[in-house]
Amino acid sequence: IAHQTWPHTFGNILSQDQITYMLEMMYSIPALTKQIEEKDYTFLLAKEEDKYLGFAAYELNYQGLPKTKLHKIYILPEAQGKGLGKLLINNVADIAKQNQNEVLSLNVNRNNPAIYFYEKLGFTKVAEEDIPIGQGYLME
């Protein structure tokens, strides 16, 4: 899903080289294994009939705080606009509340049009940061 979604989502924001680098860094089998086994990410999958259409990954008690971090949420381009993203975020929010996590946070590229989607769901901007990710690239 990430490999199909990223070029569509970030093609106008990031270079193809950066997209390729980040996909390998974050979505290779070793990277995903580390996220699940060492970083305690939990993945939720959105499925319709026999096709996976999207996913979210979150971490409860992020940095030892009563906070849930939504690390990833992607919906296939052809499935966007059907409420799956909202459904996934609402599920993560419910899980966070059940685990006494008072805050749900995420990072969004400052040039990503999805910012408006998150704002419609009640997210507010609390900070801007540039995160070095290697090879001279930044997550902005």
Protein backbone atom coordinates (compact mmCIF):
# COMPACT_ATOMS: atom_id res chain seq x y z
CA ILE A 1 0.00 0.00 0.00
CA ALA A 2 2.79 2.44 0.91
CA HIS A 3 4.60 1.75 -2.37
CA GLN A 4 1.41 2.55 -4.31
CA THR A 5 0.41 5.53 -2.18
CA TRP A 6 3.69 7.39 -1.71
CA PRO A 7 4.30 8.43 -5.36
CA HIS A 8 0.72 9.72 -5.51
CA THR A 9 0.89 11.47 -2.13
CA PHE A 10 4.42 12.85 -2.23
CA GLY A 11 5.23 13.03 -5.95
CA ASN A 12 4.76 16.82 -6.01
CA ILE A 13 6.53 17.36 -2.67
CA LEU A 14 9.57 15.04 -2.67
CA SER A 15 12.05 13.94 -5.31
CA GLN A 16 11.76 10.40 -6.66
CA ASP A 17 15.14 9.63 -5.09
CA GLN A 18 13.88 10.71 -1.65
CA ILE A 19 10.67 8.69 -2.05
CA THR A 20 12.70 5.61 -2.99
CA TYR A 21 15.06 6.13 -0.05
CA MET A 22 12.25 6.66 2.47
CA LEU A 23 10.22 3.69 1.26
CA GLU A 24 13.24 1.43 1.74
CA MET A 25 14.06 3.01 5.10
CA MET A 26 10.51 2.69 6.47
CA TYR A 27 8.83 -0.14 4.56
CA SER A 28 11.43 -2.83 3.94
CA ILE A 29 10.77 -6.10 5.77
CA PRO A 30 13.59 -5.43 8.29
CA ALA A 31 12.30 -1.89 8.92
CA LEU A 32 8.72 -3.08 9.48
CA THR A 33 9.91 -5.91 11.71
CA LYS A 34 11.87 -3.44 13.84
CA GLN A 35 8.87 -1.11 14.09
CA ILE A 36 6.67 -3.91 15.38
CA GLU A 37 9.13 -5.79 17.58
CA GLU A 38 11.29 -2.99 18.98
CA LYS A 39 9.24 0.18 18.70
CA ASP A 40 5.86 -1.30 19.63
CA TYR A 41 4.05 -0.06 16.55
CA THR A 42 0.62 -1.57 16.02
CA PHE A 43 -0.78 -1.71 12.49
CA LEU A 44 -4.48 -1.52 11.61
CA LEU A 45 -5.53 -2.58 8.12
CA ALA A 46 -8.54 -1.34 6.18
CA LYS A 47 -9.96 -4.11 4.04
CA GLU A 48 -12.97 -4.31 1.75
CA GLU A 49 -13.95 -7.81 0.70
CA ASP A 50 -10.60 -9.40 -0.17
CA LYS A 51 -8.59 -6.24 -0.90
CA TYR A 52 -6.52 -4.19 1.54
CA LEU A 53 -7.14 -0.50 0.90
CA GLY A 54 -5.17 1.26 3.60
CA PHE A 55 -3.43 1.09 6.93
CA ALA A 56 -2.51 3.04 10.02
CA ALA A 57 0.37 2.44 12.42
CA TYR A 58 0.42 3.86 15.92
CA GLU A 59 2.36 3.64 19.16
CA LEU A 60 0.71 3.82 22.58
CA ASN A 61 2.45 5.62 25.46
CA TYR A 62 4.78 7.37 23.04
CA GLN A 63 8.04 8.40 24.73
CA GLY A 64 6.69 7.10 28.04
CA LEU A 65 3.85 9.64 28.08
CA PRO A 66 0.07 9.13 28.07
CA LYS A 67 0.17 9.95 24.37
CA THR A 68 -0.50 7.94 21.22
CA LYS A 69 1.59 8.72 18.16
CA LEU A 70 0.01 8.03 14.78
CA HIS A 71 3.15 7.20 12.80
CA LYS A 72 1.56 6.25 9.49
CA ILE A 73 -1.77 6.40 7.72
CA TYR A 74 -2.13 5.70 4.03
CA ILE A 75 -5.10 4.89 1.83
CA LEU A 76 -4.74 3.67 -1.76
CA PRO A 77 -5.45 6.54 -4.17
CA GLU A 78 -8.51 4.80 -5.64
CA ALA A 79 -10.00 4.34 -2.15
CA GLN A 80 -9.43 7.89 -0.91
CA GLY A 81 -12.46 10.03 -0.15
CA LYS A 82 -14.57 7.10 1.04
CA GLY A 83 -14.09 7.62 4.78
CA LEU A 84 -11.42 4.97 5.37
CA GLY A 85 -8.85 7.43 6.71
CA LYS A 86 -11.37 8.86 9.15
CA LEU A 87 -12.38 5.35 10.19
CA LEU A 88 -8.76 4.35 10.86
CA ILE A 89 -8.04 7.53 12.83
CA ASN A 90 -11.22 7.10 14.88
CA ASN A 91 -10.20 3.51 15.66
CA VAL A 92 -6.75 4.65 16.79
CA ALA A 93 -8.34 7.41 18.90
CA ASP A 94 -10.67 4.87 20.55
CA ILE A 95 -7.77 2.55 21.32
CA ALA A 96 -5.79 5.48 22.74
CA LYS A 97 -8.68 6.40 25.06
CA GLN A 98 -9.09 2.79 26.18
CA ASN A 99 -5.42 2.87 27.17
CA GLN A 100 -5.69 6.18 29.05
CA ASN A 101 -3.69 8.03 26.41
CA GLU A 102 -4.88 11.63 26.56
CA VAL A 103 -3.23 12.92 23.38
CA LEU A 104 -3.20 11.68 19.78
CA SER A 105 -0.40 13.24 17.73
CA LEU A 106 1.10 12.91 14.26
CA ASN A 107 3.64 14.56 11.99
CA VAL A 108 2.64 15.77 8.53
CA ASN A 109 4.83 17.17 5.78
CA ARG A 110 4.12 20.89 5.87
CA ASN A 111 3.37 20.86 2.11
CA ASN A 112 0.99 17.89 2.22
CA PRO A 113 -2.63 18.75 1.34
CA ALA A 114 -3.69 16.09 3.89
CA ILE A 115 -3.15 18.75 6.58
CA TYR A 116 -6.70 19.96 5.86
CA PHE A 117 -8.05 16.44 6.35
CA TYR A 118 -6.41 16.22 9.78
CA GLU A 119 -7.66 19.68 10.75
CA LYS A 120 -11.22 18.64 9.83
CA LEU A 121 -10.82 15.75 12.27
CA GLY A 122 -9.82 18.11 15.08
CA PHE A 123 -6.03 18.01 14.92
CA THR A 124 -4.23 21.29 15.51
CA LYS A 125 -0.71 22.36 14.64
CA VAL A 126 1.47 22.57 17.74
CA ALA A 127 4.94 22.86 16.18
CA GLU A 128 7.03 22.71 13.02
CA GLU A 129 10.23 20.73 12.82
CA ASP A 130 12.69 19.43 10.27
CA ILE A 131 13.78 15.88 11.08
CA PRO A 132 17.00 14.63 9.46
CA ILE A 133 16.48 11.10 8.11
CA GLY A 134 19.82 10.41 6.45
CA GLN A 135 21.32 10.86 2.97
CA GLY A 136 20.87 14.64 3.44
CA TYR A 137 17.07 14.32 3.42
CA LEU A 138 14.66 15.92 5.88
CA MET A 139 11.14 15.14 6.96
CA GLU A 140 9.55 18.58 6.99
